[in-house]
């Protein structure tokens, strides 16, 4: 199960997250309908945060909004703690 999470889920969620950050940046420039922050943070929370982190700096998107950055880092911490706790309980 953990193997599939690290080998399949995280790369797919990261790619999805990076794509959505890029799409949101594009829509912001076009003054079009945006991707909700809850969607971006939800995918990051599920394990897509590496792609979200990369995309934030690649596209220079959501890096100045302090409230978003705090919630993003909280999602990263929750994801790491959850995966670490699951590994600890599973393999102790």
N, C-alpha and C. Protein backbone atom coordinates (compact mmCIF):
# COMPACT_ATOMS: atom_id res chain seq x y z
N UNK A 1 0.82 -1.20 0.00
CA UNK A 1 0.00 0.00 0.00
C UNK A 1 0.86 1.26 0.00
N UNK A 2 1.83 1.30 0.89
CA UNK A 2 2.71 2.46 0.98
C UNK A 2 3.53 2.61 -0.30
N UNK A 3 3.93 1.49 -0.88
CA UNK A 3 4.67 1.51 -2.13
C UNK A 3 3.86 2.24 -3.21
N UNK A 4 2.59 1.89 -3.33
CA UNK A 4 1.73 2.51 -4.34
C UNK A 4 1.54 4.00 -4.07
N UNK A 5 1.47 4.36 -2.80
CA UNK A 5 1.31 5.77 -2.45
C UNK A 5 2.52 6.58 -2.92
N UNK A 6 3.72 6.06 -2.62
CA UNK A 6 4.93 6.80 -2.98
C UNK A 6 5.27 6.72 -4.47
N UNK A 7 4.96 5.61 -5.11
CA UNK A 7 5.36 5.42 -6.50
C UNK A 7 4.29 5.89 -7.49
N UNK A 8 3.04 5.80 -7.10
CA UNK A 8 1.97 6.16 -8.03
C UNK A 8 1.22 7.42 -7.60
N UNK A 9 0.72 7.43 -6.37
CA UNK A 9 -0.16 8.52 -5.94
C UNK A 9 0.57 9.85 -5.83
N UNK A 10 1.70 9.88 -5.17
CA UNK A 10 2.40 11.16 -4.99
C UNK A 10 2.81 11.77 -6.33
N UNK A 11 3.42 11.01 -7.25
CA UNK A 11 3.74 11.63 -8.55
C UNK A 11 2.50 12.12 -9.31
N UNK A 12 1.42 11.35 -9.30
CA UNK A 12 0.21 11.79 -9.99
C UNK A 12 -0.41 13.02 -9.33
N UNK A 13 -0.49 13.01 -8.01
CA UNK A 13 -1.04 14.17 -7.30
C UNK A 13 -0.14 15.39 -7.47
N UNK A 14 1.17 15.19 -7.47
CA UNK A 14 2.10 16.30 -7.66
C UNK A 14 1.96 16.90 -9.05
N UNK A 15 1.85 16.04 -10.05
CA UNK A 15 1.66 16.53 -11.42
C UNK A 15 0.34 17.28 -11.55
N UNK A 16 -0.71 16.75 -10.93
CA UNK A 16 -2.01 17.41 -10.95
C UNK A 16 -1.94 18.76 -10.26
N UNK A 17 -1.29 18.79 -9.10
CA UNK A 17 -1.16 20.04 -8.36
C UNK A 17 -0.39 21.07 -9.17
N UNK A 18 0.74 20.67 -9.76
CA UNK A 18 1.54 21.60 -10.56
C UNK A 18 0.73 22.13 -11.74
N UNK A 19 -0.01 21.23 -12.39
CA UNK A 19 -0.85 21.66 -13.51
C UNK A 19 -1.89 22.68 -13.06
N UNK A 20 -2.55 22.41 -11.92
CA UNK A 20 -3.59 23.32 -11.45
C UNK A 20 -3.03 24.68 -11.03
N UNK A 21 -1.84 24.69 -10.41
CA UNK A 21 -1.20 25.97 -10.08
C UNK A 21 -0.90 26.75 -11.36
N UNK A 22 -0.38 26.06 -12.37
CA UNK A 22 -0.10 26.72 -13.64
C UNK A 22 -1.36 27.23 -14.31
N UNK A 23 -2.41 26.42 -14.28
CA UNK A 23 -3.69 26.84 -14.86
C UNK A 23 -4.27 28.03 -14.11
N UNK A 24 -4.16 28.01 -12.79
CA UNK A 24 -4.67 29.13 -11.99
C UNK A 24 -3.89 30.41 -12.29
N UNK A 25 -2.59 30.29 -12.45
CA UNK A 25 -1.77 31.46 -12.79
C UNK A 25 -2.18 32.01 -14.16
N UNK A 26 -2.39 31.11 -15.11
CA UNK A 26 -2.82 31.53 -16.45
C UNK A 26 -4.17 32.23 -16.38
N UNK A 27 -5.09 31.64 -15.64
CA UNK A 27 -6.42 32.26 -15.51
C UNK A 27 -6.35 33.59 -14.79
N UNK A 28 -5.45 33.72 -13.83
CA UNK A 28 -5.30 35.00 -13.13
C UNK A 28 -4.83 36.08 -14.10
N UNK A 29 -3.92 35.72 -14.98
CA UNK A 29 -3.44 36.70 -15.97
C UNK A 29 -4.52 37.07 -16.98
N UNK A 30 -5.41 36.11 -17.28
CA UNK A 30 -6.48 36.35 -18.24
C UNK A 30 -7.72 36.97 -17.59
N UNK A 31 -7.66 37.15 -16.29
CA UNK A 31 -8.80 37.65 -15.52
C UNK A 31 -10.02 36.76 -15.74
N UNK A 32 -9.79 35.45 -15.69
CA UNK A 32 -10.81 34.44 -15.92
C UNK A 32 -11.15 33.76 -14.60
N UNK A 33 -12.06 32.79 -14.66
CA UNK A 33 -12.47 32.06 -13.45
C UNK A 33 -11.28 31.28 -12.89
N UNK A 34 -11.02 31.44 -11.59
CA UNK A 34 -9.85 30.87 -10.95
C UNK A 34 -10.13 29.51 -10.34
N UNK A 35 -9.06 28.79 -10.04
CA UNK A 35 -9.14 27.52 -9.32
C UNK A 35 -9.28 27.89 -7.83
N UNK A 36 -10.27 27.36 -7.13
CA UNK A 36 -10.41 27.68 -5.70
C UNK A 36 -9.18 27.26 -4.89
N UNK A 37 -8.81 28.08 -3.93
CA UNK A 37 -7.67 27.74 -3.08
C UNK A 37 -7.91 26.42 -2.34
N UNK A 38 -9.16 26.15 -2.00
CA UNK A 38 -9.46 24.90 -1.30
C UNK A 38 -9.13 23.69 -2.18
N UNK A 39 -9.29 23.81 -3.48
CA UNK A 39 -8.93 22.72 -4.40
C UNK A 39 -7.42 22.53 -4.43
N UNK A 40 -6.70 23.62 -4.56
CA UNK A 40 -5.24 23.54 -4.58
C UNK A 40 -4.72 22.93 -3.27
N UNK A 41 -5.22 23.42 -2.16
CA UNK A 41 -4.76 22.93 -0.86
C UNK A 41 -5.20 21.49 -0.60
N UNK A 42 -6.37 21.12 -1.10
CA UNK A 42 -6.85 19.75 -0.91
C UNK A 42 -5.95 18.74 -1.61
N UNK A 43 -5.57 19.04 -2.84
CA UNK A 43 -4.67 18.14 -3.57
C UNK A 43 -3.31 18.11 -2.91
N UNK A 44 -2.85 19.26 -2.42
CA UNK A 44 -1.57 19.30 -1.70
C UNK A 44 -1.63 18.47 -0.43
N UNK A 45 -2.74 18.54 0.27
CA UNK A 45 -2.92 17.78 1.51
C UNK A 45 -2.90 16.28 1.26
N UNK A 46 -3.46 15.84 0.14
CA UNK A 46 -3.51 14.41 -0.18
C UNK A 46 -2.14 13.85 -0.57
N UNK A 47 -1.18 14.71 -0.86
CA UNK A 47 0.15 14.24 -1.21
C UNK A 47 0.75 14.93 -2.41
N UNK A 48 0.04 15.88 -2.98
CA UNK A 48 0.54 16.58 -4.15
C UNK A 48 1.38 17.80 -3.82
N UNK A 49 1.71 17.96 -2.54
CA UNK A 49 2.45 19.16 -2.15
C UNK A 49 3.82 19.32 -2.81
N UNK A 50 4.57 18.25 -3.15
CA UNK A 50 5.84 18.50 -3.83
C UNK A 50 5.64 19.23 -5.17
N UNK A 51 4.62 18.83 -5.92
CA UNK A 51 4.32 19.51 -7.18
C UNK A 51 3.80 20.91 -6.96
N UNK A 52 3.01 21.09 -5.91
CA UNK A 52 2.51 22.42 -5.58
C UNK A 52 3.63 23.36 -5.17
N UNK A 53 4.55 22.83 -4.39
CA UNK A 53 5.69 23.63 -3.93
C UNK A 53 6.54 24.05 -5.14
N UNK A 54 6.82 23.10 -6.02
CA UNK A 54 7.61 23.39 -7.21
C UNK A 54 6.90 24.44 -8.07
N UNK A 55 5.60 24.24 -8.28
CA UNK A 55 4.84 25.12 -9.16
C UNK A 55 4.72 26.54 -8.60
N UNK A 56 4.62 26.66 -7.29
CA UNK A 56 4.53 27.99 -6.70
C UNK A 56 5.75 28.82 -7.07
N UNK A 57 6.90 28.22 -7.06
CA UNK A 57 8.12 28.97 -7.37
C UNK A 57 8.40 29.03 -8.85
N UNK A 58 8.03 27.98 -9.58
CA UNK A 58 8.22 27.99 -11.03
C UNK A 58 7.35 29.06 -11.69
N UNK A 59 6.10 29.14 -11.27
CA UNK A 59 5.16 30.09 -11.86
C UNK A 59 5.06 31.40 -11.08
N UNK A 60 5.79 31.50 -9.98
CA UNK A 60 5.70 32.66 -9.08
C UNK A 60 4.25 32.95 -8.74
N UNK A 61 3.61 31.92 -8.23
CA UNK A 61 2.17 32.00 -7.97
C UNK A 61 1.89 31.61 -6.53
N UNK A 62 1.11 32.42 -5.83
CA UNK A 62 0.70 32.21 -4.45
C UNK A 62 1.87 32.29 -3.47
N UNK A 63 2.97 32.92 -3.87
CA UNK A 63 4.12 33.02 -2.97
C UNK A 63 4.08 34.26 -2.09
N UNK A 64 3.26 35.22 -2.44
CA UNK A 64 3.19 36.45 -1.66
C UNK A 64 1.99 36.49 -0.72
N UNK A 65 1.06 35.60 -0.89
CA UNK A 65 -0.14 35.58 -0.07
C UNK A 65 0.14 34.79 1.21
N UNK A 66 0.37 35.50 2.30
CA UNK A 66 0.80 34.88 3.55
C UNK A 66 -0.24 33.88 4.08
N UNK A 67 -1.51 34.21 4.00
CA UNK A 67 -2.53 33.29 4.51
C UNK A 67 -2.52 31.97 3.74
N UNK A 68 -2.28 32.03 2.44
CA UNK A 68 -2.21 30.80 1.66
C UNK A 68 -0.95 30.02 2.01
N UNK A 69 0.16 30.72 2.16
CA UNK A 69 1.44 30.05 2.49
C UNK A 69 1.34 29.31 3.82
N UNK A 70 0.67 29.92 4.80
CA UNK A 70 0.50 29.28 6.11
C UNK A 70 -0.34 28.02 5.96
N UNK A 71 -1.44 28.11 5.24
CA UNK A 71 -2.30 26.94 5.04
C UNK A 71 -1.60 25.87 4.21
N UNK A 72 -0.78 26.28 3.26
CA UNK A 72 -0.02 25.31 2.47
C UNK A 72 0.97 24.56 3.35
N UNK A 73 1.71 25.30 4.17
CA UNK A 73 2.68 24.64 5.05
C UNK A 73 1.99 23.74 6.07
N UNK A 74 0.82 24.12 6.51
CA UNK A 74 0.03 23.28 7.41
C UNK A 74 -0.38 21.98 6.70
N UNK A 75 -0.79 22.09 5.44
CA UNK A 75 -1.15 20.90 4.66
C UNK A 75 0.06 19.98 4.48
N UNK A 76 1.23 20.57 4.23
CA UNK A 76 2.45 19.77 4.10
C UNK A 76 2.75 19.05 5.42
N UNK A 77 2.69 19.78 6.52
CA UNK A 77 2.97 19.19 7.83
C UNK A 77 1.99 18.07 8.15
N UNK A 78 0.71 18.29 7.90
CA UNK A 78 -0.30 17.26 8.17
C UNK A 78 -0.03 16.03 7.32
N UNK A 79 0.30 16.22 6.06
CA UNK A 79 0.58 15.09 5.17
C UNK A 79 1.79 14.31 5.66
N UNK A 80 2.85 14.99 6.01
CA UNK A 80 4.06 14.31 6.47
C UNK A 80 3.81 13.58 7.79
N UNK A 81 3.10 14.21 8.70
CA UNK A 81 2.80 13.57 9.99
C UNK A 81 1.90 12.35 9.77
N UNK A 82 0.91 12.46 8.90
CA UNK A 82 0.00 11.34 8.65
C UNK A 82 0.75 10.16 8.02
N UNK A 83 1.57 10.44 7.03
CA UNK A 83 2.32 9.36 6.38
C UNK A 83 3.34 8.76 7.34
N UNK A 84 4.02 9.62 8.09
CA UNK A 84 4.98 9.13 9.08
C UNK A 84 4.31 8.30 10.16
N UNK A 85 3.16 8.75 10.64
CA UNK A 85 2.42 8.00 11.65
C UNK A 85 1.93 6.67 11.12
N UNK A 86 1.46 6.67 9.87
CA UNK A 86 1.00 5.43 9.27
C UNK A 86 2.17 4.45 9.13
N UNK A 87 3.32 4.94 8.69
CA UNK A 87 4.51 4.08 8.56
C UNK A 87 4.93 3.55 9.93
N UNK A 88 4.91 4.40 10.92
CA UNK A 88 5.30 3.97 12.26
C UNK A 88 4.38 2.87 12.77
N UNK A 89 3.09 3.08 12.65
CA UNK A 89 2.13 2.07 13.14
C UNK A 89 2.18 0.79 12.32
N UNK A 90 2.43 0.91 11.04
CA UNK A 90 2.44 -0.25 10.15
C UNK A 90 3.71 -1.09 10.32
N UNK A 91 4.84 -0.44 10.51
CA UNK A 91 6.13 -1.15 10.48
C UNK A 91 6.89 -1.15 11.79
N UNK A 92 6.22 -0.93 12.88
CA UNK A 92 6.96 -0.95 14.16
C UNK A 92 7.15 -2.33 14.67
